[in-house]
N, C-alpha and C. Protein backbone atom coordinates (compact mmCIF):
# COMPACT_ATOMS: atom_id res chain seq x y z
N MET A 1 0.83 -1.18 0.00
CA MET A 1 0.00 0.00 0.00
C MET A 1 0.87 1.24 0.00
N ARG A 2 1.97 1.18 0.76
CA ARG A 2 2.86 2.33 0.86
C ARG A 2 3.51 2.63 -0.48
N SER A 3 3.83 1.62 -1.27
CA SER A 3 4.45 1.84 -2.57
C SER A 3 3.49 2.54 -3.53
N TRP A 4 2.20 2.25 -3.42
CA TRP A 4 1.22 2.93 -4.27
C TRP A 4 1.16 4.42 -3.94
N GLY A 5 1.19 4.75 -2.68
CA GLY A 5 1.15 6.16 -2.27
C GLY A 5 2.38 6.90 -2.76
N GLY A 6 3.56 6.27 -2.67
CA GLY A 6 4.78 6.89 -3.17
C GLY A 6 4.75 7.07 -4.67
N ALA A 7 4.21 6.09 -5.39
CA ALA A 7 4.11 6.19 -6.84
C ALA A 7 3.15 7.30 -7.24
N ALA A 8 2.04 7.42 -6.52
CA ALA A 8 1.07 8.48 -6.82
C ALA A 8 1.68 9.85 -6.55
N LEU A 9 2.41 9.98 -5.45
CA LEU A 9 3.05 11.25 -5.12
C LEU A 9 4.10 11.60 -6.18
N ALA A 10 4.87 10.63 -6.61
CA ALA A 10 5.87 10.88 -7.65
C ALA A 10 5.21 11.29 -8.96
N ALA A 11 4.11 10.65 -9.30
CA ALA A 11 3.41 11.01 -10.54
C ALA A 11 2.91 12.44 -10.47
N LEU A 12 2.38 12.84 -9.33
CA LEU A 12 1.91 14.22 -9.19
C LEU A 12 3.04 15.22 -9.29
N LEU A 13 4.16 14.90 -8.71
CA LEU A 13 5.28 15.84 -8.72
C LEU A 13 5.96 15.91 -10.08
N LEU A 14 5.86 14.85 -10.86
CA LEU A 14 6.54 14.82 -12.15
C LEU A 14 5.65 15.20 -13.33
N SER A 15 4.41 15.56 -13.05
CA SER A 15 3.54 15.96 -14.15
C SER A 15 2.90 17.29 -13.83
N GLY A 16 2.59 18.04 -14.87
CA GLY A 16 1.93 19.32 -14.69
C GLY A 16 0.43 19.12 -14.70
N CYS A 17 -0.27 19.92 -13.93
CA CYS A 17 -1.73 19.79 -13.86
C CYS A 17 -2.39 20.05 -15.21
N ALA A 18 -1.99 21.10 -15.91
CA ALA A 18 -2.61 21.39 -17.21
C ALA A 18 -2.27 20.29 -18.21
N SER A 19 -1.06 19.75 -18.13
CA SER A 19 -0.67 18.66 -19.02
C SER A 19 -1.58 17.46 -18.82
N VAL A 20 -1.95 17.20 -17.57
CA VAL A 20 -2.79 16.06 -17.24
C VAL A 20 -4.24 16.33 -17.61
N THR A 21 -4.76 17.51 -17.27
CA THR A 21 -6.18 17.79 -17.46
C THR A 21 -6.54 18.21 -18.87
N ARG A 22 -5.63 18.85 -19.60
CA ARG A 22 -5.94 19.38 -20.93
C ARG A 22 -5.19 18.68 -22.06
N GLY A 23 -4.07 18.08 -21.77
CA GLY A 23 -3.27 17.46 -22.81
C GLY A 23 -2.34 18.47 -23.46
N THR A 24 -1.46 17.98 -24.29
CA THR A 24 -0.46 18.85 -24.92
C THR A 24 -0.80 19.15 -26.38
N THR A 25 -1.96 18.68 -26.87
CA THR A 25 -2.39 18.98 -28.23
C THR A 25 -3.79 19.58 -28.21
N GLU A 26 -4.13 20.24 -29.31
CA GLU A 26 -5.50 20.76 -29.47
C GLU A 26 -5.89 20.68 -30.93
N ASN A 27 -7.19 20.72 -31.18
CA ASN A 27 -7.71 20.70 -32.54
C ASN A 27 -7.96 22.12 -33.00
N ILE A 28 -7.50 22.43 -34.20
CA ILE A 28 -7.74 23.73 -34.83
C ILE A 28 -8.71 23.49 -35.99
N SER A 29 -9.85 24.18 -35.97
CA SER A 29 -10.83 24.10 -37.05
C SER A 29 -10.51 25.18 -38.07
N ILE A 30 -10.55 24.83 -39.35
CA ILE A 30 -10.25 25.77 -40.43
C ILE A 30 -11.41 25.76 -41.41
N ALA A 31 -11.96 26.95 -41.70
CA ALA A 31 -13.07 27.07 -42.64
C ALA A 31 -12.83 28.27 -43.53
N SER A 32 -13.39 28.21 -44.74
CA SER A 32 -13.25 29.34 -45.65
C SER A 32 -14.54 29.54 -46.41
N THR A 33 -14.72 30.78 -46.86
CA THR A 33 -15.81 31.11 -47.77
C THR A 33 -15.15 31.64 -49.03
N PRO A 34 -15.28 30.98 -50.14
CA PRO A 34 -15.97 29.72 -50.35
C PRO A 34 -15.17 28.55 -49.78
N SER A 35 -15.87 27.45 -49.54
CA SER A 35 -15.18 26.26 -49.05
C SER A 35 -14.39 25.63 -50.18
N GLY A 36 -13.60 24.63 -49.85
CA GLY A 36 -12.81 23.94 -50.86
C GLY A 36 -11.44 24.55 -51.09
N ALA A 37 -11.01 25.43 -50.18
CA ALA A 37 -9.67 26.03 -50.29
C ALA A 37 -8.65 25.06 -49.71
N LYS A 38 -7.43 25.12 -50.22
CA LYS A 38 -6.34 24.31 -49.69
C LYS A 38 -5.76 25.06 -48.49
N ALA A 39 -5.69 24.39 -47.35
CA ALA A 39 -5.11 24.96 -46.14
C ALA A 39 -3.79 24.27 -45.86
N ASP A 40 -2.69 25.02 -45.93
CA ASP A 40 -1.37 24.50 -45.58
C ASP A 40 -1.07 24.96 -44.16
N VAL A 41 -0.80 24.01 -43.28
CA VAL A 41 -0.54 24.31 -41.88
C VAL A 41 0.94 24.09 -41.61
N SER A 42 1.62 25.17 -41.23
CA SER A 42 3.05 25.04 -40.90
C SER A 42 3.22 25.18 -39.39
N GLY A 43 4.31 24.64 -38.90
CA GLY A 43 4.57 24.66 -37.47
C GLY A 43 4.28 23.32 -36.83
N THR A 44 3.74 22.39 -37.60
CA THR A 44 3.50 21.04 -37.09
C THR A 44 4.76 20.21 -37.28
N GLU A 45 4.80 19.04 -36.69
CA GLU A 45 5.98 18.19 -36.81
C GLU A 45 6.27 17.84 -38.27
N ALA A 46 5.23 17.67 -39.04
CA ALA A 46 5.38 17.42 -40.48
C ALA A 46 4.40 18.37 -41.18
N PRO A 47 4.77 18.88 -42.35
CA PRO A 47 3.84 19.77 -43.06
C PRO A 47 2.51 19.07 -43.27
N PHE A 48 1.44 19.82 -43.18
CA PHE A 48 0.11 19.24 -43.26
C PHE A 48 -0.76 20.11 -44.15
N SER A 49 -1.55 19.49 -45.00
CA SER A 49 -2.49 20.21 -45.85
C SER A 49 -3.85 19.53 -45.75
N CYS A 50 -4.90 20.33 -45.88
CA CYS A 50 -6.25 19.80 -45.91
C CYS A 50 -7.09 20.73 -46.77
N VAL A 51 -8.31 20.31 -47.07
CA VAL A 51 -9.24 21.11 -47.86
C VAL A 51 -10.35 21.56 -46.93
N THR A 52 -10.64 22.87 -46.95
CA THR A 52 -11.63 23.42 -46.03
C THR A 52 -13.04 22.97 -46.40
N PRO A 53 -13.87 22.74 -45.36
CA PRO A 53 -13.60 22.84 -43.93
C PRO A 53 -12.85 21.60 -43.44
N CYS A 54 -11.94 21.81 -42.49
CA CYS A 54 -11.16 20.70 -41.96
C CYS A 54 -10.70 21.00 -40.54
N VAL A 55 -10.16 19.98 -39.89
CA VAL A 55 -9.65 20.10 -38.52
C VAL A 55 -8.28 19.47 -38.48
N VAL A 56 -7.34 20.13 -37.82
CA VAL A 56 -5.99 19.60 -37.69
C VAL A 56 -5.60 19.60 -36.21
N GLU A 57 -4.91 18.55 -35.78
CA GLU A 57 -4.43 18.45 -34.40
C GLU A 57 -3.00 18.98 -34.35
N VAL A 58 -2.74 19.92 -33.44
CA VAL A 58 -1.42 20.54 -33.32
C VAL A 58 -0.97 20.52 -31.86
N ASN A 59 0.34 20.61 -31.68
CA ASN A 59 0.87 20.74 -30.32
C ASN A 59 0.55 22.13 -29.79
N ARG A 60 0.18 22.20 -28.53
CA ARG A 60 -0.18 23.48 -27.92
C ARG A 60 0.99 24.47 -27.90
N ASN A 61 2.23 23.97 -27.91
CA ASN A 61 3.38 24.87 -27.83
C ASN A 61 3.95 25.23 -29.19
N ALA A 62 3.28 24.82 -30.29
CA ALA A 62 3.78 25.06 -31.65
C ALA A 62 3.41 26.45 -32.14
N ASP A 63 4.30 27.03 -32.95
CA ASP A 63 4.03 28.29 -33.65
C ASP A 63 3.36 27.92 -34.97
N ILE A 64 2.06 28.15 -35.05
CA ILE A 64 1.26 27.68 -36.18
C ILE A 64 0.92 28.84 -37.13
N THR A 65 1.03 28.57 -38.42
CA THR A 65 0.59 29.50 -39.46
C THR A 65 -0.27 28.71 -40.43
N VAL A 66 -1.42 29.28 -40.81
CA VAL A 66 -2.32 28.65 -41.77
C VAL A 66 -2.32 29.49 -43.04
N SER A 67 -2.00 28.87 -44.17
CA SER A 67 -2.01 29.54 -45.46
C SER A 67 -3.13 28.94 -46.30
N LEU A 68 -4.05 29.79 -46.76
CA LEU A 68 -5.19 29.33 -47.55
C LEU A 68 -5.05 29.79 -48.99
N SER A 69 -5.36 28.90 -49.91
CA SER A 69 -5.30 29.27 -51.33
C SER A 69 -6.39 28.53 -52.09
N LYS A 70 -6.90 29.21 -53.11
CA LYS A 70 -7.90 28.62 -54.00
C LYS A 70 -7.80 29.35 -55.32
N GLU A 71 -7.86 28.59 -56.40
CA GLU A 71 -7.74 29.21 -57.73
C GLU A 71 -8.83 30.27 -57.90
N GLY A 72 -8.38 31.44 -58.38
CA GLY A 72 -9.31 32.54 -58.60
C GLY A 72 -9.47 33.47 -57.41
N TYR A 73 -8.75 33.16 -56.30
CA TYR A 73 -8.86 33.96 -55.08
C TYR A 73 -7.47 34.35 -54.57
N GLU A 74 -7.42 35.47 -53.89
CA GLU A 74 -6.17 35.94 -53.29
C GLU A 74 -5.78 34.98 -52.16
N PRO A 75 -4.51 34.58 -52.06
CA PRO A 75 -4.09 33.73 -50.94
C PRO A 75 -4.12 34.51 -49.63
N GLN A 76 -4.35 33.81 -48.55
CA GLN A 76 -4.39 34.42 -47.22
C GLN A 76 -3.44 33.67 -46.30
N ILE A 77 -2.72 34.40 -45.45
CA ILE A 77 -1.83 33.79 -44.46
C ILE A 77 -2.29 34.25 -43.09
N ILE A 78 -2.59 33.30 -42.22
CA ILE A 78 -3.10 33.59 -40.88
C ILE A 78 -2.12 33.03 -39.85
N PRO A 79 -1.34 33.90 -39.19
CA PRO A 79 -0.50 33.41 -38.09
C PRO A 79 -1.36 33.28 -36.83
N LEU A 80 -1.24 32.17 -36.14
CA LEU A 80 -1.98 31.97 -34.90
C LEU A 80 -1.10 32.39 -33.73
N THR A 81 -1.72 32.96 -32.73
CA THR A 81 -1.00 33.32 -31.51
C THR A 81 -1.33 32.30 -30.43
N ARG A 82 -0.53 32.27 -29.40
CA ARG A 82 -0.78 31.39 -28.27
C ARG A 82 -1.10 32.24 -27.05
N GLU A 83 -2.18 31.89 -26.36
CA GLU A 83 -2.59 32.61 -25.17
C GLU A 83 -2.93 31.62 -24.08
N VAL A 84 -2.73 32.04 -22.84
CA VAL A 84 -3.13 31.20 -21.71
C VAL A 84 -4.65 31.25 -21.65
N SER A 85 -5.27 30.10 -21.71
CA SER A 85 -6.73 30.04 -21.64
C SER A 85 -7.16 29.99 -20.19
N GLY A 86 -8.45 30.19 -19.96
CA GLY A 86 -8.98 30.14 -18.59
C GLY A 86 -8.73 28.80 -17.94
N SER A 87 -9.06 27.71 -18.64
CA SER A 87 -8.87 26.39 -18.04
C SER A 87 -7.39 26.02 -17.98
N GLY A 88 -6.62 26.51 -18.96
CA GLY A 88 -5.18 26.24 -18.92
C GLY A 88 -4.52 26.97 -17.78
N GLY A 89 -4.95 28.21 -17.52
CA GLY A 89 -4.41 28.96 -16.40
C GLY A 89 -4.76 28.31 -15.07
N ALA A 90 -5.98 27.77 -14.99
CA ALA A 90 -6.40 27.09 -13.76
C ALA A 90 -5.56 25.83 -13.54
N GLY A 91 -5.30 25.09 -14.63
CA GLY A 91 -4.47 23.89 -14.51
C GLY A 91 -3.04 24.24 -14.12
N PHE A 92 -2.53 25.33 -14.73
CA PHE A 92 -1.18 25.78 -14.40
C PHE A 92 -1.11 26.20 -12.94
N ALA A 93 -2.14 26.92 -12.47
CA ALA A 93 -2.17 27.34 -11.06
C ALA A 93 -2.32 26.15 -10.13
N GLY A 94 -2.96 25.08 -10.60
CA GLY A 94 -3.12 23.88 -9.78
C GLY A 94 -1.78 23.28 -9.40
N ASN A 95 -0.74 23.62 -10.14
CA ASN A 95 0.59 23.14 -9.80
C ASN A 95 1.03 23.65 -8.43
N LEU A 96 0.52 24.79 -8.01
CA LEU A 96 0.88 25.31 -6.69
C LEU A 96 0.45 24.34 -5.60
N LEU A 97 -0.68 23.66 -5.83
CA LEU A 97 -1.19 22.72 -4.83
C LEU A 97 -0.60 21.33 -4.99
N LEU A 98 -0.46 20.88 -6.23
CA LEU A 98 -0.09 19.48 -6.44
C LEU A 98 1.25 19.25 -7.14
N GLY A 99 1.53 20.00 -8.17
CA GLY A 99 2.69 19.68 -9.00
C GLY A 99 3.95 20.43 -8.65
N GLY A 100 3.83 21.54 -7.95
CA GLY A 100 5.00 22.31 -7.57
C GLY A 100 5.72 22.90 -8.77
N VAL A 101 6.95 23.28 -8.56
CA VAL A 101 7.76 23.91 -9.59
C VAL A 101 7.99 22.96 -10.76
N VAL A 102 8.16 21.69 -10.48
CA VAL A 102 8.38 20.72 -11.56
C VAL A 102 7.16 20.67 -12.47
N GLY A 103 5.97 20.64 -11.89
CA GLY A 103 4.73 20.63 -12.68
C GLY A 103 4.59 21.89 -13.51
N MET A 104 4.96 23.03 -12.95
CA MET A 104 4.90 24.28 -13.70
C MET A 104 5.86 24.23 -14.89
N GLY A 105 7.03 23.65 -14.66
CA GLY A 105 8.00 23.53 -15.75
C GLY A 105 7.50 22.63 -16.86
N VAL A 106 6.85 21.52 -16.48
CA VAL A 106 6.29 20.61 -17.48
C VAL A 106 5.22 21.32 -18.29
N ASP A 107 4.32 22.04 -17.61
CA ASP A 107 3.25 22.75 -18.32
C ASP A 107 3.82 23.83 -19.23
N ALA A 108 4.82 24.54 -18.77
CA ALA A 108 5.42 25.60 -19.59
C ALA A 108 6.11 24.99 -20.82
N ALA A 109 6.81 23.89 -20.65
CA ALA A 109 7.54 23.27 -21.76
C ALA A 109 6.60 22.67 -22.80
N THR A 110 5.49 22.10 -22.37
CA THR A 110 4.56 21.45 -23.29
C THR A 110 3.53 22.42 -23.84
N GLY A 111 3.42 23.60 -23.25
CA GLY A 111 2.41 24.55 -23.68
C GLY A 111 1.01 24.15 -23.27
N ALA A 112 0.89 23.26 -22.30
CA ALA A 112 -0.41 22.72 -21.92
C ALA A 112 -1.39 23.77 -21.45
N ALA A 113 -0.91 24.89 -20.95
CA ALA A 113 -1.81 25.94 -20.47
C ALA A 113 -2.23 26.88 -21.60
N MET A 114 -1.72 26.66 -22.81
CA MET A 114 -1.96 27.57 -23.92
C MET A 114 -3.05 27.07 -24.87
N ASP A 115 -3.67 28.04 -25.55
CA ASP A 115 -4.59 27.76 -26.65
C ASP A 115 -4.19 28.65 -27.82
N HIS A 116 -4.38 28.15 -29.04
CA HIS A 116 -4.11 28.96 -30.23
C HIS A 116 -5.32 29.84 -30.54
N LYS A 117 -5.04 31.05 -30.96
CA LYS A 117 -6.09 32.01 -31.35
C LYS A 117 -5.73 32.56 -32.72
N PRO A 118 -6.65 32.73 -33.64
CA PRO A 118 -8.06 32.39 -33.51
C PRO A 118 -8.28 30.89 -33.71
N ASN A 119 -9.26 30.38 -33.07
CA ASN A 119 -9.71 29.01 -33.24
C ASN A 119 -11.20 29.00 -32.98
N PRO A 120 -12.00 28.82 -34.00
CA PRO A 120 -11.67 28.36 -35.34
C PRO A 120 -11.08 29.47 -36.21
N VAL A 121 -10.32 29.05 -37.21
CA VAL A 121 -9.80 29.97 -38.22
C VAL A 121 -10.87 30.04 -39.31
N VAL A 122 -11.46 31.22 -39.49
CA VAL A 122 -12.51 31.41 -40.49
C VAL A 122 -12.07 32.55 -41.40
N VAL A 123 -11.96 32.27 -42.70
CA VAL A 123 -11.43 33.24 -43.65
C VAL A 123 -12.40 33.39 -44.82
N THR A 124 -12.67 34.64 -45.20
CA THR A 124 -13.42 34.92 -46.42
C THR A 124 -12.40 35.29 -47.49
N LEU A 125 -12.29 34.43 -48.50
CA LEU A 125 -11.33 34.67 -49.57
C LEU A 125 -11.86 35.73 -50.53
N GLN A 126 -10.96 36.58 -50.99
CA GLN A 126 -11.31 37.65 -51.91
C GLN A 126 -10.96 37.24 -53.33
N PRO A 127 -11.90 37.44 -54.28
CA PRO A 127 -11.60 37.08 -55.67
C PRO A 127 -10.42 37.89 -56.20
N VAL A 128 -9.65 37.25 -57.06
CA VAL A 128 -8.56 37.95 -57.72
C VAL A 128 -9.19 38.95 -58.68
N THR A 129 -8.73 40.18 -58.62
CA THR A 129 -9.27 41.17 -59.54
C THR A 129 -8.48 41.09 -60.84
N PRO A 130 -9.18 40.95 -61.94
CA PRO A 130 -8.46 40.84 -63.21
C PRO A 130 -7.78 42.16 -63.53
N PRO A 131 -6.66 42.11 -64.24
CA PRO A 131 -5.99 43.36 -64.60
C PRO A 131 -6.91 44.18 -65.50
N PRO A 132 -6.82 45.50 -65.43
CA PRO A 132 -7.70 46.31 -66.27
C PRO A 132 -7.42 46.05 -67.75
N ALA A 133 -8.47 46.04 -68.51
CA ALA A 133 -8.34 45.81 -69.94
C ALA A 133 -7.60 47.00 -70.55
N PRO A 134 -6.71 46.73 -71.49
CA PRO A 134 -6.00 47.85 -72.11
C PRO A 134 -6.98 48.74 -72.87
N ALA A 135 -6.70 50.00 -72.82
CA ALA A 135 -7.58 50.95 -73.51
C ALA A 135 -7.47 50.71 -75.01
N VAL A 136 -8.60 50.64 -75.65
CA VAL A 136 -8.63 50.40 -77.09
C VAL A 136 -8.68 51.76 -77.77
N ARG A 137 -7.71 52.00 -78.62
CA ARG A 137 -7.67 53.26 -79.36
C ARG A 137 -8.11 52.98 -80.78
N HIS A 138 -8.99 53.80 -81.21
CA HIS A 138 -9.45 53.68 -82.59
C HIS A 138 -8.56 54.58 -83.43
N HIS A 139 -7.92 53.97 -84.35
CA HIS A 139 -7.04 54.74 -85.24
C HIS A 139 -7.85 55.23 -86.44
N ARG A 140 -7.76 56.51 -86.67
CA ARG A 140 -8.45 57.06 -87.85
C ARG A 140 -7.49 57.02 -89.02
N LYS A 141 -8.07 56.80 -90.10
CA LYS A 141 -7.27 56.84 -91.31
C LYS A 141 -6.96 58.31 -91.60
N PRO A 142 -5.76 58.59 -92.03
CA PRO A 142 -5.44 59.99 -92.33
C PRO A 142 -6.33 60.51 -93.46
N ARG A 143 -6.65 61.77 -93.35
CA ARG A 143 -7.47 62.38 -94.40
C ARG A 143 -6.60 62.67 -95.62
N VAL A 144 -7.15 62.33 -96.68
CA VAL A 144 -6.47 62.60 -97.95
C VAL A 144 -7.12 63.86 -98.53
N PRO A 145 -6.30 64.87 -98.79
CA PRO A 145 -6.92 66.07 -99.36
C PRO A 145 -7.53 65.79 -100.74
N VAL A 146 -8.64 66.37 -100.96
CA VAL A 146 -9.35 66.19 -102.23
C VAL A 146 -9.03 67.41 -103.09
N SER A 147 -8.59 67.23 -104.27
CA SER A 147 -8.27 68.38 -105.11
C SER A 147 -9.26 68.60 -106.20
């Protein structure tokens, strides 16, 4: 029985509260108007692409950028920011009671207290404006003097 208590205490001290309660990954929803755009997600362990609407799982501590493109529309690049969320902050603060400094370090390293913003990523693509048509000049035939 004593060994179980020691193992439980060690587990608490070696893990962060937010890491345990929230995990180290999150789902990012990506949508576009019109739908069917290619979404390239950078900052993941391996480059990832999907067609909107789609969902991608990313590490909470990753620097994520979403690039959207669709033929006939201007490309869009959306950098995501990381912010401490309400529940992530509560989990991080829970380290004061259970995880201590080690738990805080684990949560900080894994980004478990963070959420990416904006989430969902919703983009309205703008149509490519065609170049202006060249001005058409009507050439007049030179006047021939009549004698």
